[in-house]
């Protein structure tokens, strides 16, 4: 089912498990504690979205825009982040274990405050070093 966002974009505490949300405009949306496990968000605009404590396990976030998104405490285990933009994203306490995202744009994102596999930490420390 394809979702059409409502005017308020308040999807906090809602469940969208396995939904097809490709290319959706969710910029600035309130997605606090939303469950987006296995959702297809390829190419979606989540810039400036509030995703605090959201669950995005195994979500497809390929080519998604997460610029300035608040991902503090988000659970993103095994999410696909290839070619995504995470510029200026807040990642404090985000669980990003099992993801591959070395081809994403991590400029000004505090990736070092997130939990992630050592292989990704090594790749990011070379390409997007801590200031």
Protein backbone atom coordinates (compact mmCIF):
# COMPACT_ATOMS: atom_id res chain seq x y z
CA UNK A 1 0.00 0.00 0.00
CA UNK A 2 1.38 3.43 -0.90
CA UNK A 3 1.04 6.01 1.84
CA UNK A 4 0.12 9.61 1.19
CA UNK A 5 1.40 11.80 4.02
CA UNK A 6 -1.18 13.96 5.75
CA UNK A 7 -0.74 17.70 6.11
CA UNK A 8 0.61 17.59 9.66
CA UNK A 9 3.15 14.83 8.94
CA UNK A 10 2.74 13.58 12.49
CA UNK A 11 3.36 9.85 12.32
CA UNK A 12 4.79 9.53 15.82
CA UNK A 13 4.05 6.22 17.55
CA UNK A 14 2.65 4.65 14.33
CA UNK A 15 3.61 1.38 12.63
CA UNK A 16 4.56 1.04 8.96
CA UNK A 17 6.24 -2.37 9.00
CA UNK A 18 7.22 -3.53 5.51
CA UNK A 19 5.41 -0.65 3.78
CA UNK A 20 6.33 0.71 0.34
CA UNK A 21 7.22 4.34 1.03
CA UNK A 22 9.67 4.87 -1.85
CA UNK A 23 10.27 8.48 -2.83
CA UNK A 24 7.89 9.90 -0.20
CA UNK A 25 8.29 13.45 1.07
CA UNK A 26 8.53 13.13 4.83
CA UNK A 27 10.78 16.15 5.32
CA UNK A 28 10.28 17.64 8.75
CA UNK A 29 7.89 14.84 9.74
CA UNK A 30 7.40 13.78 13.34
CA UNK A 31 8.30 10.08 13.29
CA UNK A 32 9.28 9.71 16.94
CA UNK A 33 9.06 6.05 18.02
CA UNK A 34 7.56 5.08 14.65
CA UNK A 35 8.11 1.47 13.60
CA UNK A 36 9.50 1.36 10.06
CA UNK A 37 11.04 -2.11 10.19
CA UNK A 38 11.66 -3.57 6.71
CA UNK A 39 9.98 -0.51 5.13
CA UNK A 40 11.10 0.49 1.64
CA UNK A 41 12.12 4.14 1.95
CA UNK A 42 14.40 4.21 -1.08
CA UNK A 43 14.81 7.78 -2.33
CA UNK A 44 12.53 9.16 0.42
CA UNK A 45 13.06 12.69 1.73
CA UNK A 46 13.43 12.45 5.52
CA UNK A 47 15.48 15.64 5.83
CA UNK A 48 14.86 17.39 9.12
CA UNK A 49 12.58 14.57 10.30
CA UNK A 50 12.35 13.71 13.99
CA UNK A 51 13.18 10.00 14.11
CA UNK A 52 14.14 9.82 17.79
CA UNK A 53 13.81 6.26 19.10
CA UNK A 54 12.28 5.08 15.81
CA UNK A 55 12.76 1.47 14.77
CA UNK A 56 14.12 1.02 11.24
CA UNK A 57 15.46 -2.53 11.40
CA UNK A 58 16.34 -3.83 7.94
CA UNK A 59 14.74 -0.76 6.31
CA UNK A 60 15.79 0.17 2.79
CA UNK A 61 17.12 3.74 3.07
CA UNK A 62 19.14 3.61 -0.16
CA UNK A 63 19.44 7.09 -1.74
CA UNK A 64 17.31 8.55 1.08
CA UNK A 65 17.85 12.10 2.32
CA UNK A 66 18.37 12.18 6.08
CA UNK A 67 20.05 15.61 6.11
CA UNK A 68 19.57 17.25 9.50
CA UNK A 69 17.41 14.35 10.73
CA UNK A 70 17.28 13.63 14.45
CA UNK A 71 18.14 9.94 14.74
CA UNK A 72 19.05 9.92 18.42
CA UNK A 73 18.31 6.52 19.89
CA UNK A 74 17.02 5.13 16.57
CA UNK A 75 17.35 1.38 16.02
CA UNK A 76 18.68 0.88 12.50
CA UNK A 77 20.12 -2.66 12.68
CA UNK A 78 20.94 -4.00 9.21
CA UNK A 79 19.34 -0.98 7.49
CA UNK A 80 20.58 -0.25 3.97
CA UNK A 81 22.08 3.24 3.78
CA UNK A 82 24.03 3.11 0.49
CA UNK A 83 24.18 6.44 -1.33
CA UNK A 84 22.13 8.16 1.39
CA UNK A 85 22.73 11.67 2.71
CA UNK A 86 23.16 12.03 6.47
CA UNK A 87 24.68 15.52 6.49
CA UNK A 88 24.24 17.15 9.87
CA UNK A 89 22.22 14.22 11.25
CA UNK A 90 22.14 13.73 15.03
CA UNK A 91 23.20 10.16 15.73
CA UNK A 92 23.70 10.06 19.51
CA UNK A 93 22.98 6.52 20.72
CA UNK A 94 21.65 5.32 17.35
CA UNK A 95 22.14 1.57 16.90
CA UNK A 96 23.60 1.17 13.42
CA UNK A 97 25.15 -2.27 13.77
CA UNK A 98 25.10 -4.42 10.69
CA UNK A 99 24.64 -1.55 8.24
CA UNK A 100 26.79 -0.80 5.26
CA UNK A 101 26.90 2.91 4.64
CA UNK A 102 30.41 3.80 3.68
CA UNK A 103 29.14 5.22 0.37
CA UNK A 104 26.70 7.53 2.14
CA UNK A 105 27.44 11.22 2.83
CA UNK A 106 28.19 11.63 6.56
CA UNK A 107 29.42 15.26 6.56
CA UNK A 108 28.82 16.98 9.94
CA UNK A 109 27.00 13.90 11.29
CA UNK A 110 28.29 12.68 14.65
CA UNK A 111 28.67 9.04 13.55
CA UNK A 112 31.19 8.40 16.37
CA UNK A 113 28.36 8.72 18.93
CA UNK A 114 26.40 5.86 17.30
CA UNK A 115 26.85 2.12 17.88
CA UNK A 116 28.22 0.54 14.71
CA UNK A 117 30.44 -2.24 13.48
CA UNK A 118 34.18 -1.68 13.61
CA UNK A 119 34.52 -2.03 9.83
CA UNK A 120 32.17 0.92 9.23
CA UNK A 121 33.84 2.94 11.99
CA UNK A 122 37.21 2.46 10.25
CA UNK A 123 35.85 3.45 6.84
CA UNK A 124 34.10 6.55 8.20
CA UNK A 125 37.09 7.68 10.26
CA UNK A 126 39.15 7.80 7.07
CA UNK A 127 36.59 9.52 4.86
CA UNK A 128 34.66 11.64 7.43
CA UNK A 129 37.15 12.24 10.28
CA UNK A 130 36.04 13.67 13.58
CA UNK A 131 36.89 17.39 13.77
